[in-house]
């Protein structure tokens, strides 16, 4: 009798579970129309301007006013890109590359060594005050320091030179870089550092052979962020340079827009050429960048 009762109860439980499964599946498969609609709207807001810039850069000036702005050109032309390149675009591009590389490499190198010293050094009180000094740099906007920076550059006789753009860019990039890198180095297990010391490794060897490989996503993230910030910088080139030979791409794009304000396709062609290096940099470091941005969510 007990056996029959057990079988009946198991059958009843199976029927009850079978009745509840479709209900659970229905809940999981229910579409979120609000989120889907907002995602489509956001995608349209982002993609449509980019699509319009790209197709317009291949239109002639006469066809731009005669055709639908969102319709691809019937006869694409490269004349706009040729006009931009002939307007000293190569020189402005070279200036931007020099300023970006000349500022990012020293800034990331100094920031990485400073972050390692803050995390691993035994002089806690001194380095805590140094870390606080770096954090204070995040609270001071660039616009508030532009006049003192201008006066310092004048005193150093560096005005209207690429070095006048590189040195302040290094200073402005260090505080945030130190903050990000120190947090990543702090997450490295202390046992690894102790094992390196037991093996006879020096501080420099531990820095370059242990801390750097384990924090590579953070280093790449900081490098890409600083490169984008310096590449798109407009205020420092505007204040600290004067001659056209020292212009970077953002400042050249602004002057080019003023010179060819009626020729909209040529202006948009210069925008496309300016954005291409940024896209290439993102594609090259995309995996490391995403790993660095999402590293904290997996802990």
C-alpha atoms as a PDB file:
ATOM      1  CA  UNK A   1       0.000   0.000   0.000  1.00  0.00           C
ATOM      2  CA  UNK A   2       2.890   2.272   0.791  1.00  0.00           C
ATOM      3  CA  UNK A   3       4.427   1.459  -2.590  1.00  0.00           C
ATOM      4  CA  UNK A   4       1.252   2.439  -4.384  1.00  0.00           C
ATOM      5  CA  UNK A   5       1.071   5.663  -2.420  1.00  0.00           C
ATOM      6  CA  UNK A   6       4.670   6.536  -3.323  1.00  0.00           C
ATOM      7  CA  UNK A   7       4.056   5.876  -6.996  1.00  0.00           C
ATOM      8  CA  UNK A   8       0.909   7.968  -6.974  1.00  0.00           C
ATOM      9  CA  UNK A   9       2.694  10.848  -5.252  1.00  0.00           C
ATOM     10  CA  UNK A  10       5.591  10.732  -7.760  1.00  0.00           C
ATOM     11  CA  UNK A  11       3.162  10.722 -10.668  1.00  0.00           C
ATOM     12  CA  UNK A  12       1.303  13.666  -9.204  1.00  0.00           C
ATOM     13  CA  UNK A  13       4.559  15.560  -8.701  1.00  0.00           C
ATOM     14  CA  UNK A  14       5.576  14.840 -12.292  1.00  0.00           C
ATOM     15  CA  UNK A  15       2.242  16.091 -13.587  1.00  0.00           C
ATOM     16  CA  UNK A  16       2.493  19.176 -11.435  1.00  0.00           C
ATOM     17  CA  UNK A  17       6.042  19.867 -12.700  1.00  0.00           C
ATOM     18  CA  UNK A  18       4.914  19.252 -16.277  1.00  0.00           C
ATOM     19  CA  UNK A  19       2.154  21.766 -15.857  1.00  0.00           C
ATOM     20  CA  UNK A  20       4.542  24.379 -14.446  1.00  0.00           C
ATOM     21  CA  UNK A  21       7.278  24.033 -17.104  1.00  0.00           C
ATOM     22  CA  UNK A  22       5.426  25.731 -19.935  1.00  0.00           C
ATOM     23  CA  UNK A  23       4.584  28.591 -17.620  1.00  0.00           C
ATOM     24  CA  UNK A  24       8.282  29.065 -16.759  1.00  0.00           C
ATOM     25  CA  UNK A  25       9.271  28.891 -20.417  1.00  0.00           C
ATOM     26  CA  UNK A  26       6.646  31.417 -21.270  1.00  0.00           C
ATOM     27  CA  UNK A  27       8.065  33.853 -18.737  1.00  0.00           C
ATOM     28  CA  UNK A  28      11.616  33.423 -20.094  1.00  0.00           C
ATOM     29  CA  UNK A  29      10.547  33.866 -23.693  1.00  0.00           C
ATOM     30  CA  UNK A  30       8.457  36.947 -23.073  1.00  0.00           C
ATOM     31  CA  UNK A  31      10.038  39.731 -25.174  1.00  0.00           C
ATOM     32  CA  UNK A  32      10.972  43.020 -23.585  1.00  0.00           C
ATOM     33  CA  UNK A  33       9.431  45.383 -26.109  1.00  0.00           C
ATOM     34  CA  UNK A  34      10.396  48.542 -24.240  1.00  0.00           C
ATOM     35  CA  UNK A  35      14.087  47.663 -24.075  1.00  0.00           C
ATOM     36  CA  UNK A  36      14.076  46.463 -27.691  1.00  0.00           C
ATOM     37  CA  UNK A  37      12.408  49.634 -28.922  1.00  0.00           C
ATOM     38  CA  UNK A  38      14.798  51.888 -26.992  1.00  0.00           C
ATOM     39  CA  UNK A  39      17.785  49.911 -28.307  1.00  0.00           C
ATOM     40  CA  UNK A  40      16.605  50.361 -31.900  1.00  0.00           C
ATOM     41  CA  UNK A  41      16.001  54.075 -31.345  1.00  0.00           C
ATOM     42  CA  UNK A  42      19.468  54.506 -29.829  1.00  0.00           C
ATOM     43  CA  UNK A  43      21.042  52.551 -32.682  1.00  0.00           C
ATOM     44  CA  UNK A  44      19.330  54.804 -35.228  1.00  0.00           C
ATOM     45  CA  UNK A  45      20.455  57.939 -33.367  1.00  0.00           C
ATOM     46  CA  UNK A  46      24.076  56.756 -33.436  1.00  0.00           C
ATOM     47  CA  UNK A  47      24.262  55.164 -36.896  1.00  0.00           C
ATOM     48  CA  UNK A  48      22.329  57.677 -39.017  1.00  0.00           C
ATOM     49  CA  UNK A  49      24.728  60.650 -38.460  1.00  0.00           C
ATOM     50  CA  UNK A  50      27.745  58.427 -39.152  1.00  0.00           C
ATOM     51  CA  UNK A  51      26.089  57.065 -42.283  1.00  0.00           C
ATOM     52  CA  UNK A  52      25.266  60.606 -43.449  1.00  0.00           C
ATOM     53  CA  UNK A  53      28.849  61.816 -42.888  1.00  0.00           C
ATOM     54  CA  UNK A  54      30.368  58.921 -44.836  1.00  0.00           C
ATOM     55  CA  UNK A  55      28.048  59.059 -47.867  1.00  0.00           C
ATOM     56  CA  UNK A  56      28.167  62.865 -48.033  1.00  0.00           C
ATOM     57  CA  UNK A  57      31.969  62.849 -48.134  1.00  0.00           C
ATOM     58  CA  UNK A  58      31.727  60.996 -51.472  1.00  0.00           C
ATOM     59  CA  UNK A  59      29.291  63.510 -53.031  1.00  0.00           C
ATOM     60  CA  UNK A  60      30.231  66.498 -55.132  1.00  0.00           C
ATOM     61  CA  UNK A  61      29.339  69.949 -53.940  1.00  0.00           C
ATOM     62  CA  UNK A  62      26.663  70.400 -56.627  1.00  0.00           C
ATOM     63  CA  UNK A  63      25.041  67.010 -56.000  1.00  0.00           C
ATOM     64  CA  UNK A  64      24.922  67.591 -52.258  1.00  0.00           C
ATOM     65  CA  UNK A  65      22.249  70.283 -52.593  1.00  0.00           C
ATOM     66  CA  UNK A  66      20.375  68.538 -55.396  1.00  0.00           C
ATOM     67  CA  UNK A  67      20.017  65.035 -53.930  1.00  0.00           C
ATOM     68  CA  UNK A  68      18.358  63.550 -50.885  1.00  0.00           C
ATOM     69  CA  UNK A  69      20.843  63.820 -47.976  1.00  0.00           C
ATOM     70  CA  UNK A  70      20.309  60.173 -46.926  1.00  0.00           C
ATOM     71  CA  UNK A  71      20.548  58.665 -50.418  1.00  0.00           C
ATOM     72  CA  UNK A  72      23.985  57.316 -51.444  1.00  0.00           C
ATOM     73  CA  UNK A  73      25.617  59.245 -54.294  1.00  0.00           C
ATOM     74  CA  UNK A  74      24.865  57.994 -57.783  1.00  0.00           C
ATOM     75  CA  UNK A  75      28.377  58.951 -58.900  1.00  0.00           C
ATOM     76  CA  UNK A  76      30.795  58.738 -55.934  1.00  0.00           C
ATOM     77  CA  UNK A  77      33.846  60.951 -56.136  1.00  0.00           C
ATOM     78  CA  UNK A  78      37.162  61.121 -54.278  1.00  0.00           C
ATOM     79  CA  UNK A  79      37.671  64.801 -55.104  1.00  0.00           C
ATOM     80  CA  UNK A  80      36.816  65.867 -51.547  1.00  0.00           C
ATOM     81  CA  UNK A  81      39.481  63.628 -50.038  1.00  0.00           C
ATOM     82  CA  UNK A  82      41.985  64.826 -52.607  1.00  0.00           C
ATOM     83  CA  UNK A  83      41.191  68.433 -51.704  1.00  0.00           C
ATOM     84  CA  UNK A  84      41.679  67.725 -47.999  1.00  0.00           C
ATOM     85  CA  UNK A  85      44.981  65.911 -48.511  1.00  0.00           C
ATOM     86  CA  UNK A  86      46.284  68.723 -50.706  1.00  0.00           C
ATOM     87  CA  UNK A  87      45.451  71.229 -47.934  1.00  0.00           C
ATOM     88  CA  UNK A  88      48.451  70.138 -45.773  1.00  0.00           C
ATOM     89  CA  UNK A  89      46.501  67.324 -44.136  1.00  0.00           C
ATOM     90  CA  UNK A  90      49.613  65.135 -44.039  1.00  0.00           C
ATOM     91  CA  UNK A  91      51.510  67.756 -42.003  1.00  0.00           C
ATOM     92  CA  UNK A  92      48.656  68.134 -39.513  1.00  0.00           C
ATOM     93  CA  UNK A  93      48.357  64.367 -39.249  1.00  0.00           C
ATOM     94  CA  UNK A  94      52.082  64.047 -38.552  1.00  0.00           C
ATOM     95  CA  UNK A  95      51.874  66.745 -35.858  1.00  0.00           C
ATOM     96  CA  UNK A  96      49.032  64.918 -34.134  1.00  0.00           C
ATOM     97  CA  UNK A  97      50.931  61.624 -34.245  1.00  0.00           C
ATOM     98  CA  UNK A  98      54.057  63.233 -32.759  1.00  0.00           C
ATOM     99  CA  UNK A  99      52.109  64.939 -29.967  1.00  0.00           C
ATOM    100  CA  UNK A 100      50.067  61.824 -29.152  1.00  0.00           C
ATOM    101  CA  UNK A 101      52.974  59.381 -29.070  1.00  0.00           C
ATOM    102  CA  UNK A 102      55.296  61.884 -27.382  1.00  0.00           C
ATOM    103  CA  UNK A 103      52.776  62.423 -24.587  1.00  0.00           C
ATOM    104  CA  UNK A 104      51.238  58.962 -24.151  1.00  0.00           C
ATOM    105  CA  UNK A 105      54.460  56.924 -23.903  1.00  0.00           C
ATOM    106  CA  UNK A 106      56.081  59.003 -21.109  1.00  0.00           C
ATOM    107  CA  UNK A 107      52.763  59.480 -19.288  1.00  0.00           C
ATOM    108  CA  UNK A 108      51.913  55.764 -19.186  1.00  0.00           C
ATOM    109  CA  UNK A 109      55.488  54.782 -18.293  1.00  0.00           C
ATOM    110  CA  UNK A 110      55.758  57.260 -15.416  1.00  0.00           C
ATOM    111  CA  UNK A 111      52.238  56.446 -14.223  1.00  0.00           C
ATOM    112  CA  UNK A 112      52.920  52.715 -14.183  1.00  0.00           C
ATOM    113  CA  UNK A 113      56.115  53.098 -12.161  1.00  0.00           C
ATOM    114  CA  UNK A 114      54.436  55.565  -9.783  1.00  0.00           C
ATOM    115  CA  UNK A 115      51.455  53.224  -9.288  1.00  0.00           C
ATOM    116  CA  UNK A 116      53.801  50.314  -8.549  1.00  0.00           C
ATOM    117  CA  UNK A 117      55.699  52.410  -6.009  1.00  0.00           C
ATOM    118  CA  UNK A 118      52.471  53.531  -4.304  1.00  0.00           C
ATOM    119  CA  UNK A 119      51.200  49.959  -3.955  1.00  0.00           C
ATOM    120  CA  UNK A 120      54.414  48.064  -3.161  1.00  0.00           C
ATOM    121  CA  UNK A 121      56.645  50.516  -1.307  1.00  0.00           C
ATOM    122  CA  UNK A 122      57.042  50.332   2.484  1.00  0.00           C
ATOM    123  CA  UNK A 123      57.021  54.121   2.886  1.00  0.00           C
ATOM    124  CA  UNK A 124      53.294  54.305   3.395  1.00  0.00           C
ATOM    125  CA  UNK A 125      52.838  57.828   4.774  1.00  0.00           C
ATOM    126  CA  UNK A 126      54.925  59.559   2.103  1.00  0.00           C
ATOM    127  CA  UNK A 127      53.355  57.617  -0.758  1.00  0.00           C
ATOM    128  CA  UNK A 128      49.844  58.131   0.594  1.00  0.00           C
ATOM    129  CA  UNK A 129      50.438  61.866   0.435  1.00  0.00           C
ATOM    130  CA  UNK A 130      51.840  61.448  -3.080  1.00  0.00           C
ATOM    131  CA  UNK A 131      48.759  59.478  -4.098  1.00  0.00           C
ATOM    132  CA  UNK A 132      46.554  62.221  -2.652  1.00  0.00           C
ATOM    133  CA  UNK A 133      48.479  64.735  -4.732  1.00  0.00           C
ATOM    134  CA  UNK A 134      47.718  62.721  -7.868  1.00  0.00           C
ATOM    135  CA  UNK A 135      44.042  62.540  -6.895  1.00  0.00           C
ATOM    136  CA  UNK A 136      43.965  66.322  -6.504  1.00  0.00           C
ATOM    137  CA  UNK A 137      45.008  66.559 -10.153  1.00  0.00           C
ATOM    138  CA  UNK A 138      41.715  64.917 -11.133  1.00  0.00           C
ATOM    139  CA  UNK A 139      39.747  67.661  -9.401  1.00  0.00           C
ATOM    140  CA  UNK A 140      41.412  70.492 -11.342  1.00  0.00           C
ATOM    141  CA  UNK A 141      39.988  70.945 -14.860  1.00  0.00           C
ATOM    142  CA  UNK A 142      42.225  71.787 -17.768  1.00  0.00           C
ATOM    143  CA  UNK A 143      40.395  75.054 -18.417  1.00  0.00           C
ATOM    144  CA  UNK A 144      41.299  76.322 -14.931  1.00  0.00           C
ATOM    145  CA  UNK A 145      45.025  75.830 -15.515  1.00  0.00           C
ATOM    146  CA  UNK A 146      45.334  77.083 -19.066  1.00  0.00           C
ATOM    147  CA  UNK A 147      46.568  80.571 -18.057  1.00  0.00           C
ATOM    148  CA  UNK A 148      49.349  79.308 -15.720  1.00  0.00           C
ATOM    149  CA  UNK A 149      50.340  76.716 -18.327  1.00  0.00           C
ATOM    150  CA  UNK A 150      50.482  79.444 -20.976  1.00  0.00           C
ATOM    151  CA  UNK A 151      52.733  81.610 -18.781  1.00  0.00           C
ATOM    152  CA  UNK A 152      55.035  78.668 -18.000  1.00  0.00           C
ATOM    153  CA  UNK A 153      55.355  77.808 -21.685  1.00  0.00           C
ATOM    154  CA  UNK A 154      56.206  81.435 -22.463  1.00  0.00           C
ATOM    155  CA  UNK A 155      58.882  81.483 -19.710  1.00  0.00           C
ATOM    156  CA  UNK A 156      60.407  78.286 -21.095  1.00  0.00           C
ATOM    157  CA  UNK A 157      60.450  79.736 -24.644  1.00  0.00           C
ATOM    158  CA  UNK A 158      58.439  76.774 -25.930  1.00  0.00           C
ATOM    159  CA  UNK A 159      55.484  78.692 -27.336  1.00  0.00           C
ATOM    160  CA  UNK A 160      54.344  77.667 -30.819  1.00  0.00           C
ATOM    161  CA  UNK A 161      56.086  74.305 -30.748  1.00  0.00           C
ATOM    162  CA  UNK A 162      54.974  70.698 -30.488  1.00  0.00           C
ATOM    163  CA  UNK A 163      56.846  70.343 -27.207  1.00  0.00           C
ATOM    164  CA  UNK A 164      54.530  72.992 -25.769  1.00  0.00           C
ATOM    165  CA  UNK A 165      51.647  70.566 -26.403  1.00  0.00           C
ATOM    166  CA  UNK A 166      53.455  67.410 -25.267  1.00  0.00           C
ATOM    167  CA  UNK A 167      54.557  68.534 -21.794  1.00  0.00           C
ATOM    168  CA  UNK A 168      51.127  69.715 -20.509  1.00  0.00           C
ATOM    169  CA  UNK A 169      49.470  66.662 -22.056  1.00  0.00           C
ATOM    170  CA  UNK A 170      51.790  64.404 -20.045  1.00  0.00           C
ATOM    171  CA  UNK A 171      50.957  66.265 -16.841  1.00  0.00           C
ATOM    172  CA  UNK A 172      47.203  66.080 -17.416  1.00  0.00           C
ATOM    173  CA  UNK A 173      47.310  62.359 -18.294  1.00  0.00           C
ATOM    174  CA  UNK A 174      49.261  61.166 -15.241  1.00  0.00           C
ATOM    175  CA  UNK A 175      46.652  61.528 -12.400  1.00  0.00           C
ATOM    176  CA  UNK A 176      43.960  59.329 -13.911  1.00  0.00           C
ATOM    177  CA  UNK A 177      46.526  56.840 -15.193  1.00  0.00           C
ATOM    178  CA  UNK A 178      48.053  56.448 -11.721  1.00  0.00           C
ATOM    179  CA  UNK A 179      44.617  55.919 -10.179  1.00  0.00           C
ATOM    180  CA  UNK A 180      43.629  53.193 -12.643  1.00  0.00           C
ATOM    181  CA  UNK A 181      46.975  51.379 -12.680  1.00  0.00           C
ATOM    182  CA  UNK A 182      47.395  51.412  -8.896  1.00  0.00           C
ATOM    183  CA  UNK A 183      44.012  49.743  -8.458  1.00  0.00           C
ATOM    184  CA  UNK A 184      44.981  46.986 -10.877  1.00  0.00           C
ATOM    185  CA  UNK A 185      48.422  46.435  -9.324  1.00  0.00           C
ATOM    186  CA  UNK A 186      46.788  46.255  -5.890  1.00  0.00           C
ATOM    187  CA  UNK A 187      44.678  43.313  -7.120  1.00  0.00           C
ATOM    188  CA  UNK A 188      47.763  41.232  -7.964  1.00  0.00           C
ATOM    189  CA  UNK A 189      48.239  38.598  -5.214  1.00  0.00           C
ATOM    190  CA  UNK A 190      51.020  39.441  -2.788  1.00  0.00           C
ATOM    191  CA  UNK A 191      52.271  35.847  -2.896  1.00  0.00           C
ATOM    192  CA  UNK A 192      53.431  36.366  -6.467  1.00  0.00           C
ATOM    193  CA  UNK A 193      55.544  39.357  -5.477  1.00  0.00           C
ATOM    194  CA  UNK A 194      56.992  37.442  -2.526  1.00  0.00           C
ATOM    195  CA  UNK A 195      57.884  34.459  -4.722  1.00  0.00           C
ATOM    196  CA  UNK A 196      59.664  36.786  -7.149  1.00  0.00           C
ATOM    197  CA  UNK A 197      61.673  38.264  -4.280  1.00  0.00           C
ATOM    198  CA  UNK A 198      62.577  34.794  -3.005  1.00  0.00           C
ATOM    199  CA  UNK A 199      63.828  33.902  -6.467  1.00  0.00           C
ATOM    200  CA  UNK A 200      66.223  36.844  -6.279  1.00  0.00           C
ATOM    201  CA  UNK A 201      64.373  39.241  -8.601  1.00  0.00           C
ATOM    202  CA  UNK A 202      64.989  42.953  -8.104  1.00  0.00           C
ATOM    203  CA  UNK A 203      62.271  45.583  -7.891  1.00  0.00           C
ATOM    204  CA  UNK A 204      62.842  46.476 -11.535  1.00  0.00           C
ATOM    205  CA  UNK A 205      62.613  42.832 -12.558  1.00  0.00           C
ATOM    206  CA  UNK A 206      59.415  42.365 -10.559  1.00  0.00           C
ATOM    207  CA  UNK A 207      57.998  45.530 -12.072  1.00  0.00           C
ATOM    208  CA  UNK A 208      58.598  44.599 -15.717  1.00  0.00           C
ATOM    209  CA  UNK A 209      58.342  40.796 -15.584  1.00  0.00           C
ATOM    210  CA  UNK A 210      55.434  40.346 -13.155  1.00  0.00           C
ATOM    211  CA  UNK A 211      53.392  43.506 -12.643  1.00  0.00           C
ATOM    212  CA  UNK A 212      53.401  44.603 -16.271  1.00  0.00           C
ATOM    213  CA  UNK A 213      52.198  41.301 -17.832  1.00  0.00           C
ATOM    214  CA  UNK A 214      49.470  40.868 -15.195  1.00  0.00           C
ATOM    215  CA  UNK A 215      48.178  44.426 -15.615  1.00  0.00           C
ATOM    216  CA  UNK A 216      48.465  44.587 -19.401  1.00  0.00           C
ATOM    217  CA  UNK A 217      44.689  45.144 -19.940  1.00  0.00           C
ATOM    218  CA  UNK A 218      44.835  48.167 -17.631  1.00  0.00           C
ATOM    219  CA  UNK A 219      47.929  49.535 -19.380  1.00  0.00           C
ATOM    220  CA  UNK A 220      46.265  49.176 -22.789  1.00  0.00           C
ATOM    221  CA  UNK A 221      43.073  50.781 -21.484  1.00  0.00           C
ATOM    222  CA  UNK A 222      44.944  53.773 -20.075  1.00  0.00           C
ATOM    223  CA  UNK A 223      47.020  54.072 -23.260  1.00  0.00           C
ATOM    224  CA  UNK A 224      43.988  54.103 -25.551  1.00  0.00           C
ATOM    225  CA  UNK A 225      42.067  56.521 -23.339  1.00  0.00           C
ATOM    226  CA  UNK A 226      44.958  58.984 -23.134  1.00  0.00           C
ATOM    227  CA  UNK A 227      45.650  58.648 -26.858  1.00  0.00           C
ATOM    228  CA  UNK A 228      42.048  59.480 -27.726  1.00  0.00           C
ATOM    229  CA  UNK A 229      42.007  62.414 -25.314  1.00  0.00           C
ATOM    230  CA  UNK A 230      45.236  63.911 -26.646  1.00  0.00           C
ATOM    231  CA  UNK A 231      44.371  63.177 -30.289  1.00  0.00           C
ATOM    232  CA  UNK A 232      41.060  65.040 -29.942  1.00  0.00           C
ATOM    233  CA  UNK A 233      42.531  67.829 -27.818  1.00  0.00           C
ATOM    234  CA  UNK A 234      41.563  71.302 -29.015  1.00  0.00           C
ATOM    235  CA  UNK A 235      42.179  73.776 -26.183  1.00  0.00           C
ATOM    236  CA  UNK A 236      45.947  73.319 -25.797  1.00  0.00           C
ATOM    237  CA  UNK A 237      46.727  73.600 -29.543  1.00  0.00           C
ATOM    238  CA  UNK A 238      44.473  76.651 -29.757  1.00  0.00           C
ATOM    239  CA  UNK A 239      46.231  78.485 -26.906  1.00  0.00           C
ATOM    240  CA  UNK A 240      49.819  77.250 -27.175  1.00  0.00           C
ATOM    241  CA  UNK A 241      50.356  77.347 -30.945  1.00  0.00           C
ATOM    242  CA  UNK A 242      50.018  80.053 -33.534  1.00  0.00           C
ATOM    243  CA  UNK A 243      51.630  79.149 -36.848  1.00  0.00           C
ATOM    244  CA  UNK A 244      49.843  76.792 -39.288  1.00  0.00           C
ATOM    245  CA  UNK A 245      52.910  74.526 -39.357  1.00  0.00           C
ATOM    246  CA  UNK A 246      52.306  73.511 -35.712  1.00  0.00           C
ATOM    247  CA  UNK A 247      48.592  72.759 -35.992  1.00  0.00           C
ATOM    248  CA  UNK A 248      47.189  69.404 -34.994  1.00  0.00           C
ATOM    249  CA  UNK A 249      44.211  67.753 -36.667  1.00  0.00           C
ATOM    250  CA  UNK A 250      41.408  69.133 -34.423  1.00  0.00           C
ATOM    251  CA  UNK A 251      42.675  72.682 -34.838  1.00  0.00           C
ATOM    252  CA  UNK A 252      43.271  72.151 -38.563  1.00  0.00           C
ATOM    253  CA  UNK A 253      39.758  70.733 -38.907  1.00  0.00           C
ATOM    254  CA  UNK A 254      38.361  73.842 -37.247  1.00  0.00           C
ATOM    255  CA  UNK A 255      40.284  76.156 -39.578  1.00  0.00           C
ATOM    256  CA  UNK A 256      39.441  73.965 -42.565  1.00  0.00           C
ATOM    257  CA  UNK A 257      35.764  74.215 -41.691  1.00  0.00           C
ATOM    258  CA  UNK A 258      36.049  77.988 -41.570  1.00  0.00           C
ATOM    259  CA  UNK A 259      37.840  78.058 -44.916  1.00  0.00           C
ATOM    260  CA  UNK A 260      35.445  75.676 -46.680  1.00  0.00           C
ATOM    261  CA  UNK A 261      32.258  76.289 -44.712  1.00  0.00           C
ATOM    262  CA  UNK A 262      30.122  76.131 -47.886  1.00  0.00           C
ATOM    263  CA  UNK A 263      31.767  72.986 -49.242  1.00  0.00           C
ATOM    264  CA  UNK A 264      30.059  70.579 -46.844  1.00  0.00           C
ATOM    265  CA  UNK A 265      31.293  67.343 -48.522  1.00  0.00           C
ATOM    266  CA  UNK A 266      34.928  68.493 -48.218  1.00  0.00           C
ATOM    267  CA  UNK A 267      34.463  69.326 -44.542  1.00  0.00           C
ATOM    268  CA  UNK A 268      32.943  65.906 -43.883  1.00  0.00           C
ATOM    269  CA  UNK A 269      35.771  64.228 -45.795  1.00  0.00           C
ATOM    270  CA  UNK A 270      38.225  65.865 -43.389  1.00  0.00           C
ATOM    271  CA  UNK A 271      36.115  64.575 -40.480  1.00  0.00           C
ATOM    272  CA  UNK A 272      36.304  61.019 -41.844  1.00  0.00           C
ATOM    273  CA  UNK A 273      40.077  61.205 -42.315  1.00  0.00           C
ATOM    274  CA  UNK A 274      40.491  62.545 -38.784  1.00  0.00           C
ATOM    275  CA  UNK A 275      38.402  59.725 -37.282  1.00  0.00           C
ATOM    276  CA  UNK A 276      40.101  56.863 -39.162  1.00  0.00           C
ATOM    277  CA  UNK A 277      43.182  56.641 -36.842  1.00  0.00           C
ATOM    278  CA  UNK A 278      40.886  56.534 -33.808  1.00  0.00           C
ATOM    279  CA  UNK A 279      38.928  53.638 -35.305  1.00  0.00           C
ATOM    280  CA  UNK A 280      42.137  51.791 -36.170  1.00  0.00           C
ATOM    281  CA  UNK A 281      43.424  52.255 -32.616  1.00  0.00           C
ATOM    282  CA  UNK A 282      40.171  50.901 -31.205  1.00  0.00           C
ATOM    283  CA  UNK A 283      40.179  47.863 -33.507  1.00  0.00           C
ATOM    284  CA  UNK A 284      43.781  47.027 -32.619  1.00  0.00           C
ATOM    285  CA  UNK A 285      43.299  47.280 -28.851  1.00  0.00           C
ATOM    286  CA  UNK A 286      39.635  46.318 -28.606  1.00  0.00           C
ATOM    287  CA  UNK A 287      40.101  43.050 -26.714  1.00  0.00           C
ATOM    288  CA  UNK A 288      42.542  44.466 -24.193  1.00  0.00           C
ATOM    289  CA  UNK A 289      40.386  47.576 -23.799  1.00  0.00           C
ATOM    290  CA  UNK A 290      37.239  45.580 -23.032  1.00  0.00           C
ATOM    291  CA  UNK A 291      39.195  43.318 -20.676  1.00  0.00           C
ATOM    292  CA  UNK A 292      40.487  46.342 -18.794  1.00  0.00           C
ATOM    293  CA  UNK A 293      37.080  48.021 -18.576  1.00  0.00           C
ATOM    294  CA  UNK A 294      35.238  44.884 -17.402  1.00  0.00           C
ATOM    295  CA  UNK A 295      37.937  43.392 -15.149  1.00  0.00           C
ATOM    296  CA  UNK A 296      36.328  44.685 -11.998  1.00  0.00           C
ATOM    297  CA  UNK A 297      32.928  43.155 -12.722  1.00  0.00           C
ATOM    298  CA  UNK A 298      34.190  39.570 -12.590  1.00  0.00           C
ATOM    299  CA  UNK A 299      35.497  39.793  -9.012  1.00  0.00           C
END
